């Protein structure tokens, strides 16, 4: 263990620094009582802030054909599964690498803003939408004020006071 300094609070603490973005791994989703000849789904799993986010891959494998420690701890299908184990493993690796790269790119553009909702969006292949639609603060706030005033949610004095302070 090393002693590390937190730049924001200027405090010393023990341990390693927190990862800036999560890395995915595959896990075989099994019940507590395992049946040997039954197939179970392989799920892509991300852990962020002690919250586990899972997404099914539509790949089903028997417990004997799954190696959790393979592929550097990310999980892989053993050769005993079928002749297509290499193709399935390559599909799984490509998917987790693509999502990890997207999370790394997002972290570069928006540092320290990764949440479980964003990870879910990447897992579902949804495009990311921002609440402010990419507008700057003043433009967004003025549009919001106009909308609230036109729907009579705020009064004239509040509308005039806020718009003169911002605009």
N, C-alpha and C. Protein backbone atom coordinates (compact mmCIF):
# COMPACT_ATOMS: atom_id res chain seq x y z
N UNK A 1 0.84 -1.19 0.00
CA UNK A 1 0.00 0.00 0.00
C UNK A 1 0.87 1.24 0.00
N UNK A 2 0.37 2.25 -0.70
CA UNK A 2 1.08 3.51 -0.75
C UNK A 2 0.22 4.57 -0.08
N UNK A 3 0.88 5.60 0.39
CA UNK A 3 0.15 6.73 0.94
C UNK A 3 -0.07 7.70 -0.21
N UNK A 4 -1.32 8.04 -0.45
CA UNK A 4 -1.69 8.90 -1.57
C UNK A 4 -2.29 10.21 -1.04
N UNK A 5 -2.15 11.26 -1.82
CA UNK A 5 -2.69 12.57 -1.44
C UNK A 5 -3.86 12.90 -2.36
N UNK A 6 -4.96 13.29 -1.77
CA UNK A 6 -6.12 13.73 -2.52
C UNK A 6 -5.94 15.22 -2.81
N UNK A 7 -5.89 15.59 -4.11
CA UNK A 7 -5.61 16.97 -4.48
C UNK A 7 -6.74 17.93 -4.11
N UNK A 8 -7.98 17.46 -4.10
CA UNK A 8 -9.11 18.36 -3.82
C UNK A 8 -9.16 18.72 -2.34
N UNK A 9 -9.04 17.72 -1.46
CA UNK A 9 -9.18 17.98 -0.03
C UNK A 9 -7.83 18.07 0.68
N UNK A 10 -6.77 17.73 -0.04
CA UNK A 10 -5.41 17.77 0.50
C UNK A 10 -5.26 16.86 1.72
N UNK A 11 -5.96 15.72 1.71
CA UNK A 11 -5.85 14.75 2.80
C UNK A 11 -5.04 13.56 2.33
N UNK A 12 -4.39 12.89 3.25
CA UNK A 12 -3.66 11.68 2.96
C UNK A 12 -4.55 10.48 3.24
N UNK A 13 -4.46 9.46 2.39
CA UNK A 13 -5.21 8.24 2.63
C UNK A 13 -4.43 7.06 2.09
N UNK A 14 -4.77 5.88 2.58
CA UNK A 14 -4.06 4.67 2.20
C UNK A 14 -4.80 3.99 1.06
N UNK A 15 -4.07 3.22 0.25
CA UNK A 15 -4.71 2.43 -0.79
C UNK A 15 -4.39 2.93 -2.18
N UNK A 16 -5.10 2.38 -3.13
CA UNK A 16 -4.88 2.78 -4.52
C UNK A 16 -5.95 3.77 -4.93
N UNK A 17 -5.66 4.60 -5.92
CA UNK A 17 -6.67 5.56 -6.36
C UNK A 17 -7.83 4.85 -7.05
N UNK A 18 -9.00 5.45 -6.97
CA UNK A 18 -10.20 4.89 -7.58
C UNK A 18 -10.08 4.95 -9.10
N UNK A 19 -10.55 3.91 -9.75
CA UNK A 19 -10.55 3.87 -11.22
C UNK A 19 -11.47 4.97 -11.74
N UNK A 20 -11.05 5.64 -12.81
CA UNK A 20 -11.82 6.75 -13.36
C UNK A 20 -13.07 6.30 -14.10
N UNK A 21 -13.04 5.08 -14.62
CA UNK A 21 -14.21 4.52 -15.30
C UNK A 21 -14.17 3.00 -15.12
N UNK A 22 -15.32 2.34 -15.11
CA UNK A 22 -15.34 0.90 -14.84
C UNK A 22 -14.94 0.08 -16.06
N UNK A 23 -14.44 -1.13 -15.80
CA UNK A 23 -14.15 -2.10 -16.85
C UNK A 23 -15.14 -3.25 -16.72
N UNK A 24 -15.64 -3.73 -17.83
CA UNK A 24 -16.65 -4.78 -17.82
C UNK A 24 -16.06 -6.16 -17.75
N UNK A 25 -16.86 -7.10 -17.28
CA UNK A 25 -16.49 -8.51 -17.29
C UNK A 25 -17.77 -9.32 -17.47
N UNK A 26 -17.57 -10.56 -17.86
CA UNK A 26 -18.71 -11.44 -18.08
C UNK A 26 -18.87 -12.36 -16.89
N UNK A 27 -20.12 -12.64 -16.58
CA UNK A 27 -20.42 -13.53 -15.46
C UNK A 27 -21.54 -14.46 -15.88
N UNK A 28 -21.44 -15.71 -15.48
CA UNK A 28 -22.49 -16.69 -15.75
C UNK A 28 -23.56 -16.52 -14.67
N UNK A 29 -24.78 -16.23 -15.08
CA UNK A 29 -25.87 -15.97 -14.14
C UNK A 29 -26.47 -17.31 -13.72
N UNK A 30 -26.12 -17.78 -12.54
CA UNK A 30 -26.58 -19.09 -12.06
C UNK A 30 -27.41 -18.91 -10.78
N UNK A 31 -28.36 -19.81 -10.56
CA UNK A 31 -29.09 -19.80 -9.30
C UNK A 31 -28.23 -20.42 -8.19
N UNK A 32 -28.75 -20.42 -6.98
CA UNK A 32 -27.98 -21.00 -5.87
C UNK A 32 -27.79 -22.50 -6.03
N UNK A 33 -28.83 -23.18 -6.51
CA UNK A 33 -28.74 -24.62 -6.75
C UNK A 33 -28.50 -24.81 -8.25
N UNK A 34 -27.33 -25.35 -8.60
CA UNK A 34 -26.93 -25.46 -10.00
C UNK A 34 -27.24 -26.85 -10.52
N UNK A 35 -27.87 -26.88 -11.72
CA UNK A 35 -28.08 -28.15 -12.41
C UNK A 35 -27.01 -28.28 -13.49
N UNK A 36 -26.32 -29.41 -13.54
CA UNK A 36 -25.16 -29.56 -14.42
C UNK A 36 -25.52 -29.55 -15.90
N UNK A 37 -26.67 -30.14 -16.29
CA UNK A 37 -26.97 -30.19 -17.73
C UNK A 37 -27.80 -29.01 -18.22
N UNK A 38 -28.07 -28.04 -17.39
CA UNK A 38 -28.85 -26.88 -17.80
C UNK A 38 -27.91 -25.75 -18.23
N UNK A 39 -28.35 -24.98 -19.25
CA UNK A 39 -27.55 -23.84 -19.68
C UNK A 39 -28.03 -22.57 -18.99
N UNK A 40 -27.09 -21.67 -18.71
CA UNK A 40 -27.39 -20.42 -18.02
C UNK A 40 -26.90 -19.25 -18.86
N UNK A 41 -27.51 -18.08 -18.71
CA UNK A 41 -27.11 -16.93 -19.54
C UNK A 41 -25.79 -16.31 -19.08
N UNK A 42 -25.03 -15.84 -20.04
CA UNK A 42 -23.82 -15.07 -19.77
C UNK A 42 -24.22 -13.61 -19.79
N UNK A 43 -23.82 -12.87 -18.74
CA UNK A 43 -24.19 -11.46 -18.64
C UNK A 43 -22.95 -10.58 -18.58
N UNK A 44 -23.04 -9.43 -19.21
CA UNK A 44 -22.00 -8.42 -19.13
C UNK A 44 -22.26 -7.61 -17.87
N UNK A 45 -21.22 -7.45 -17.05
CA UNK A 45 -21.40 -6.83 -15.74
C UNK A 45 -20.41 -5.70 -15.53
N UNK A 46 -20.93 -4.57 -15.07
CA UNK A 46 -20.10 -3.43 -14.68
C UNK A 46 -20.43 -3.10 -13.23
N UNK A 47 -19.41 -2.73 -12.45
CA UNK A 47 -19.62 -2.32 -11.07
C UNK A 47 -19.11 -0.89 -10.94
N UNK A 48 -19.99 0.00 -10.47
CA UNK A 48 -19.61 1.40 -10.31
C UNK A 48 -20.22 1.92 -9.03
N UNK A 49 -19.39 2.45 -8.13
CA UNK A 49 -19.85 2.96 -6.82
C UNK A 49 -20.68 1.91 -6.08
N UNK A 50 -20.18 0.72 -6.02
CA UNK A 50 -20.80 -0.43 -5.34
C UNK A 50 -22.17 -0.77 -5.92
N UNK A 51 -22.45 -0.35 -7.12
CA UNK A 51 -23.71 -0.66 -7.80
C UNK A 51 -23.38 -1.55 -9.00
N UNK A 52 -24.06 -2.69 -9.10
CA UNK A 52 -23.81 -3.64 -10.17
C UNK A 52 -24.82 -3.42 -11.28
N UNK A 53 -24.31 -3.28 -12.50
CA UNK A 53 -25.15 -3.06 -13.68
C UNK A 53 -24.93 -4.25 -14.60
N UNK A 54 -26.00 -4.98 -14.94
CA UNK A 54 -25.88 -6.18 -15.76
C UNK A 54 -26.70 -6.06 -17.03
N UNK A 55 -26.21 -6.73 -18.08
CA UNK A 55 -26.93 -6.77 -19.35
C UNK A 55 -26.75 -8.17 -19.93
N UNK A 56 -27.84 -8.80 -20.32
CA UNK A 56 -27.79 -10.14 -20.90
C UNK A 56 -27.16 -10.09 -22.29
N UNK A 57 -26.49 -11.18 -22.67
CA UNK A 57 -25.82 -11.25 -23.97
C UNK A 57 -26.49 -12.22 -24.93
N UNK A 58 -27.53 -12.91 -24.49
CA UNK A 58 -28.21 -13.93 -25.29
C UNK A 58 -27.28 -15.09 -25.66
N UNK A 59 -26.27 -15.33 -24.84
CA UNK A 59 -25.40 -16.49 -24.99
C UNK A 59 -25.66 -17.37 -23.77
N UNK A 60 -25.93 -18.66 -24.02
CA UNK A 60 -26.24 -19.59 -22.93
C UNK A 60 -25.19 -20.68 -22.90
N UNK A 61 -24.67 -20.98 -21.70
CA UNK A 61 -23.56 -21.91 -21.54
C UNK A 61 -23.81 -22.76 -20.30
N UNK A 62 -23.35 -24.02 -20.33
CA UNK A 62 -23.39 -24.86 -19.14
C UNK A 62 -22.30 -24.42 -18.17
N UNK A 63 -22.48 -24.73 -16.91
CA UNK A 63 -21.52 -24.33 -15.88
C UNK A 63 -20.14 -24.94 -16.17
N UNK A 64 -20.09 -26.19 -16.64
CA UNK A 64 -18.82 -26.85 -16.92
C UNK A 64 -18.08 -26.21 -18.09
N UNK A 65 -18.80 -25.50 -18.97
CA UNK A 65 -18.18 -24.89 -20.14
C UNK A 65 -17.79 -23.43 -19.92
N UNK A 66 -17.94 -22.92 -18.73
CA UNK A 66 -17.63 -21.52 -18.44
C UNK A 66 -16.37 -21.42 -17.58
N UNK A 67 -15.45 -20.54 -17.96
CA UNK A 67 -14.22 -20.28 -17.22
C UNK A 67 -14.23 -18.82 -16.79
N UNK A 68 -14.52 -18.57 -15.53
CA UNK A 68 -14.63 -17.20 -15.03
C UNK A 68 -13.28 -16.49 -15.00
N UNK A 69 -12.19 -17.24 -14.83
CA UNK A 69 -10.87 -16.62 -14.72
C UNK A 69 -10.18 -16.44 -16.06
N UNK A 70 -10.79 -16.93 -17.13
CA UNK A 70 -10.19 -16.80 -18.45
C UNK A 70 -10.28 -15.38 -18.98
N UNK A 71 -9.50 -15.09 -20.01
CA UNK A 71 -9.48 -13.77 -20.65
C UNK A 71 -9.16 -12.67 -19.63
N UNK A 72 -8.11 -12.89 -18.86
CA UNK A 72 -7.62 -11.94 -17.85
C UNK A 72 -8.69 -11.60 -16.81
N UNK A 73 -9.44 -12.60 -16.39
CA UNK A 73 -10.45 -12.42 -15.35
C UNK A 73 -11.78 -11.89 -15.84
N UNK A 74 -11.93 -11.74 -17.14
CA UNK A 74 -13.19 -11.24 -17.70
C UNK A 74 -14.18 -12.35 -18.00
N UNK A 75 -13.73 -13.58 -18.05
CA UNK A 75 -14.60 -14.72 -18.32
C UNK A 75 -14.57 -15.13 -19.77
N UNK A 76 -14.63 -16.45 -20.00
CA UNK A 76 -14.63 -16.96 -21.37
C UNK A 76 -15.32 -18.32 -21.43
N UNK A 77 -15.67 -18.72 -22.64
CA UNK A 77 -16.30 -20.02 -22.89
C UNK A 77 -15.19 -21.02 -23.19
N UNK A 78 -15.28 -22.19 -22.57
CA UNK A 78 -14.27 -23.23 -22.79
C UNK A 78 -14.49 -23.93 -24.13
N UNK A 79 -13.45 -24.63 -24.60
CA UNK A 79 -13.51 -25.34 -25.88
C UNK A 79 -14.50 -26.49 -25.84
N UNK A 80 -14.82 -26.98 -24.65
CA UNK A 80 -15.76 -28.10 -24.53
C UNK A 80 -17.20 -27.69 -24.87
N UNK A 81 -17.46 -26.40 -25.01
CA UNK A 81 -18.83 -25.92 -25.29
C UNK A 81 -19.32 -26.38 -26.67
N UNK A 82 -18.63 -25.99 -27.72
CA UNK A 82 -18.99 -26.38 -29.08
C UNK A 82 -17.85 -25.95 -30.00
N UNK A 83 -18.06 -26.17 -31.29
CA UNK A 83 -17.04 -25.76 -32.25
C UNK A 83 -16.97 -24.24 -32.40
N UNK A 84 -18.00 -23.55 -31.99
CA UNK A 84 -18.07 -22.10 -32.15
C UNK A 84 -17.58 -21.33 -30.94
N UNK A 85 -16.85 -21.97 -30.02
CA UNK A 85 -16.44 -21.28 -28.80
C UNK A 85 -15.51 -20.10 -29.11
N UNK A 86 -14.65 -20.23 -30.13
CA UNK A 86 -13.73 -19.13 -30.47
C UNK A 86 -14.51 -17.92 -30.99
N UNK A 87 -15.48 -18.17 -31.85
CA UNK A 87 -16.28 -17.08 -32.41
C UNK A 87 -17.09 -16.39 -31.31
N UNK A 88 -17.69 -17.17 -30.41
CA UNK A 88 -18.46 -16.58 -29.32
C UNK A 88 -17.58 -15.78 -28.38
N UNK A 89 -16.39 -16.32 -28.05
CA UNK A 89 -15.46 -15.58 -27.19
C UNK A 89 -15.04 -14.27 -27.85
N UNK A 90 -14.79 -14.31 -29.15
CA UNK A 90 -14.39 -13.09 -29.86
C UNK A 90 -15.51 -12.06 -29.86
N UNK A 91 -16.76 -12.51 -30.04
CA UNK A 91 -17.90 -11.60 -29.97
C UNK A 91 -18.01 -10.94 -28.59
N UNK A 92 -17.83 -11.76 -27.55
CA UNK A 92 -17.91 -11.23 -26.18
C UNK A 92 -16.79 -10.23 -25.92
N UNK A 93 -15.58 -10.56 -26.33
CA UNK A 93 -14.44 -9.67 -26.10
C UNK A 93 -14.63 -8.35 -26.85
N UNK A 94 -15.06 -8.44 -28.12
CA UNK A 94 -15.26 -7.22 -28.90
C UNK A 94 -16.30 -6.31 -28.28
N UNK A 95 -17.37 -6.90 -27.76
CA UNK A 95 -18.43 -6.07 -27.17
C UNK A 95 -17.95 -5.35 -25.92
N UNK A 96 -17.27 -6.08 -25.02
CA UNK A 96 -16.82 -5.44 -23.79
C UNK A 96 -15.72 -4.41 -24.08
N UNK A 97 -14.86 -4.67 -25.05
CA UNK A 97 -13.82 -3.71 -25.42
C UNK A 97 -14.43 -2.44 -26.01
N UNK A 98 -15.46 -2.59 -26.82
CA UNK A 98 -16.12 -1.44 -27.43
C UNK A 98 -16.76 -0.55 -26.36
N UNK A 99 -17.45 -1.17 -25.41
CA UNK A 99 -18.12 -0.40 -24.36
C UNK A 99 -17.09 0.24 -23.43
N UNK A 100 -16.00 -0.48 -23.12
CA UNK A 100 -14.94 0.11 -22.30
C UNK A 100 -14.31 1.31 -22.99
N UNK A 101 -14.12 1.22 -24.30
CA UNK A 101 -13.55 2.34 -25.05
C UNK A 101 -14.51 3.54 -25.05
N UNK A 102 -15.80 3.28 -25.18
CA UNK A 102 -16.79 4.36 -25.13
C UNK A 102 -16.80 5.04 -23.76
N UNK A 103 -16.69 4.23 -22.69
CA UNK A 103 -16.65 4.81 -21.35
C UNK A 103 -15.38 5.63 -21.14
N UNK A 104 -14.25 5.16 -21.67
CA UNK A 104 -13.00 5.90 -21.55
C UNK A 104 -13.08 7.23 -22.30
N UNK A 105 -13.67 7.20 -23.49
CA UNK A 105 -13.83 8.42 -24.28
C UNK A 105 -14.77 9.41 -23.58
N UNK A 106 -15.86 8.89 -23.01
CA UNK A 106 -16.79 9.74 -22.28
C UNK A 106 -16.10 10.37 -21.07
N UNK A 107 -15.27 9.58 -20.38
CA UNK A 107 -14.56 10.09 -19.21
C UNK A 107 -13.57 11.19 -19.59
N UNK A 108 -12.96 11.10 -20.77
CA UNK A 108 -12.04 12.14 -21.21
C UNK A 108 -12.79 13.44 -21.49
N UNK A 109 -13.97 13.33 -22.12
CA UNK A 109 -14.75 14.52 -22.46
C UNK A 109 -15.44 15.12 -21.24
N UNK A 110 -15.92 14.25 -20.34
CA UNK A 110 -16.66 14.70 -19.16
C UNK A 110 -16.05 14.03 -17.93
N UNK A 111 -14.94 14.54 -17.40
CA UNK A 111 -14.27 13.88 -16.27
C UNK A 111 -15.14 13.81 -15.01
N UNK A 112 -15.09 12.69 -14.35
CA UNK A 112 -15.77 12.45 -13.06
C UNK A 112 -17.29 12.63 -13.15
N UNK A 113 -17.89 12.33 -14.31
CA UNK A 113 -19.34 12.45 -14.44
C UNK A 113 -20.00 11.14 -14.84
N UNK A 114 -19.30 10.03 -14.71
CA UNK A 114 -19.88 8.73 -15.06
C UNK A 114 -20.82 8.29 -13.94
N UNK A 115 -22.03 7.88 -14.32
CA UNK A 115 -23.02 7.39 -13.37
C UNK A 115 -23.53 6.04 -13.87
N UNK A 116 -24.30 5.37 -13.03
CA UNK A 116 -24.89 4.09 -13.42
C UNK A 116 -25.84 4.28 -14.60
N UNK A 117 -26.52 5.42 -14.67
CA UNK A 117 -27.44 5.69 -15.78
C UNK A 117 -26.68 5.79 -17.11
N UNK A 118 -25.51 6.39 -17.09
CA UNK A 118 -24.69 6.50 -18.30
C UNK A 118 -24.18 5.14 -18.73
N UNK A 119 -23.76 4.33 -17.77
CA UNK A 119 -23.29 2.97 -18.09
C UNK A 119 -24.43 2.16 -18.68
N UNK A 120 -25.64 2.29 -18.11
CA UNK A 120 -26.81 1.60 -18.67
C UNK A 120 -27.08 2.04 -20.11
N UNK A 121 -26.90 3.31 -20.38
CA UNK A 121 -27.09 3.82 -21.73
C UNK A 121 -26.11 3.21 -22.72
N UNK A 122 -24.84 3.07 -22.32
CA UNK A 122 -23.86 2.43 -23.18
C UNK A 122 -24.17 0.95 -23.39
N UNK A 123 -24.63 0.27 -22.34
CA UNK A 123 -24.96 -1.15 -22.45
C UNK A 123 -26.16 -1.37 -23.37
N UNK A 124 -27.10 -0.44 -23.38
CA UNK A 124 -28.29 -0.57 -24.22
C UNK A 124 -28.07 0.03 -25.61
N UNK A 125 -26.87 0.51 -25.91
CA UNK A 125 -26.54 1.15 -27.19
C UNK A 125 -27.43 2.35 -27.49
N UNK A 126 -27.80 3.08 -26.45
CA UNK A 126 -28.60 4.29 -26.62
C UNK A 126 -27.66 5.48 -26.79
N UNK A 127 -28.02 6.42 -27.66
CA UNK A 127 -27.20 7.63 -27.74
C UNK A 127 -27.40 8.46 -26.48
N UNK A 128 -26.34 9.09 -26.03
CA UNK A 128 -26.42 9.88 -24.81
C UNK A 128 -27.12 11.20 -25.10
N UNK A 129 -28.08 11.53 -24.26
CA UNK A 129 -28.76 12.81 -24.39
C UNK A 129 -28.51 13.61 -23.12
N UNK A 130 -28.27 14.88 -23.30
CA UNK A 130 -28.03 15.75 -22.17
C UNK A 130 -29.30 16.51 -21.86
N UNK A 131 -29.48 16.86 -20.59
CA UNK A 131 -30.68 17.59 -20.18
C UNK A 131 -30.71 18.99 -20.76
N UNK A 132 -29.53 19.57 -21.02
CA UNK A 132 -29.49 20.93 -21.57
C UNK A 132 -29.39 20.94 -23.09
N UNK A 133 -29.47 19.80 -23.74
CA UNK A 133 -29.42 19.64 -25.20
C UNK A 133 -28.18 20.29 -25.82
N UNK A 134 -27.09 20.40 -25.07
CA UNK A 134 -25.84 20.95 -25.59
C UNK A 134 -25.80 22.47 -25.66
N UNK A 135 -26.80 23.16 -25.14
CA UNK A 135 -26.83 24.62 -25.15
C UNK A 135 -25.96 25.14 -24.01
N UNK A 136 -25.50 26.38 -24.14
CA UNK A 136 -24.77 26.96 -23.02
C UNK A 136 -25.77 27.36 -21.93
N UNK A 137 -25.25 27.70 -20.77
CA UNK A 137 -26.09 27.92 -19.60
C UNK A 137 -27.09 29.06 -19.79
N UNK A 138 -26.62 30.17 -20.33
CA UNK A 138 -27.50 31.34 -20.47
C UNK A 138 -28.64 31.04 -21.45
N UNK A 139 -28.30 30.43 -22.58
CA UNK A 139 -29.32 30.10 -23.58
C UNK A 139 -30.34 29.11 -23.01
N UNK A 140 -29.86 28.10 -22.31
CA UNK A 140 -30.74 27.10 -21.71
C UNK A 140 -31.66 27.73 -20.66
N UNK A 141 -31.09 28.58 -19.81
CA UNK A 141 -31.87 29.20 -18.74
C UNK A 141 -32.91 30.16 -19.29
N UNK A 142 -32.55 30.93 -20.31
CA UNK A 142 -33.51 31.86 -20.91
C UNK A 142 -34.68 31.10 -21.56
N UNK A 143 -34.38 30.00 -22.24
CA UNK A 143 -35.44 29.19 -22.84
C UNK A 143 -36.35 28.61 -21.75
N UNK A 144 -35.76 28.17 -20.65
CA UNK A 144 -36.52 27.62 -19.55
C UNK A 144 -37.41 28.69 -18.91
N UNK A 145 -36.86 29.89 -18.73
CA UNK A 145 -37.64 31.00 -18.17
C UNK A 145 -38.83 31.35 -19.06
N UNK A 146 -38.57 31.45 -20.37
CA UNK A 146 -39.65 31.75 -21.31
C UNK A 146 -40.75 30.70 -21.24
N UNK A 147 -40.34 29.45 -21.17
CA UNK A 147 -41.31 28.36 -21.10
C UNK A 147 -42.13 28.44 -19.82
N UNK A 148 -41.46 28.65 -18.68
CA UNK A 148 -42.17 28.72 -17.40
C UNK A 148 -43.11 29.93 -17.36
N UNK A 149 -42.67 31.06 -17.90
CA UNK A 149 -43.50 32.27 -17.88
C UNK A 149 -44.72 32.11 -18.80
N UNK A 150 -44.52 31.49 -19.97
CA UNK A 150 -45.65 31.32 -20.89
C UNK A 150 -46.69 30.34 -20.36
N UNK A 151 -46.26 29.41 -19.50
CA UNK A 151 -47.21 28.46 -18.91
C UNK A 151 -47.72 28.92 -17.55
N UNK A 152 -47.42 30.17 -17.19
CA UNK A 152 -47.85 30.77 -15.91
C UNK A 152 -47.34 30.00 -14.70
N UNK A 153 -46.15 29.44 -14.79
CA UNK A 153 -45.56 28.75 -13.64
C UNK A 153 -44.77 29.71 -12.77
N UNK A 154 -44.34 30.85 -13.36
CA UNK A 154 -43.69 31.91 -12.58
C UNK A 154 -44.37 33.23 -12.93
N UNK A 155 -44.27 34.19 -12.02
CA UNK A 155 -44.89 35.49 -12.23
C UNK A 155 -44.01 36.43 -13.04
N UNK A 156 -44.58 37.58 -13.38
CA UNK A 156 -43.89 38.56 -14.21
C UNK A 156 -42.66 39.12 -13.51
N UNK A 157 -42.77 39.44 -12.23
CA UNK A 157 -41.64 40.04 -11.52
C UNK A 157 -40.45 39.07 -11.46
N UNK A 158 -40.72 37.79 -11.20
CA UNK A 158 -39.63 36.81 -11.16
C UNK A 158 -39.01 36.65 -12.56
N UNK A 159 -39.87 36.62 -13.58
CA UNK A 159 -39.37 36.49 -14.95
C UNK A 159 -38.48 37.68 -15.31
N UNK A 160 -38.93 38.90 -15.03
CA UNK A 160 -38.17 40.10 -15.38
C UNK A 160 -36.87 40.18 -14.57
N UNK A 161 -36.96 39.90 -13.28
CA UNK A 161 -35.78 39.98 -12.42
C UNK A 161 -34.72 38.95 -12.85
N UNK A 162 -35.13 37.72 -13.09
CA UNK A 162 -34.17 36.67 -13.45
C UNK A 162 -33.61 36.91 -14.85
N UNK A 163 -34.45 37.29 -15.80
CA UNK A 163 -33.95 37.51 -17.16
C UNK A 163 -33.02 38.71 -17.23
N UNK A 164 -33.24 39.77 -16.42
CA UNK A 164 -32.32 40.91 -16.43
C UNK A 164 -30.99 40.54 -15.77
N UNK A 165 -31.03 39.64 -14.80
CA UNK A 165 -29.79 39.21 -14.13
C UNK A 165 -28.95 38.29 -15.00
N UNK A 166 -29.60 37.50 -15.84
CA UNK A 166 -28.89 36.54 -16.68
C UNK A 166 -28.50 37.14 -18.01
N UNK A 167 -29.47 37.78 -18.68
CA UNK A 167 -29.27 38.27 -20.05
C UNK A 167 -28.44 39.50 -20.06
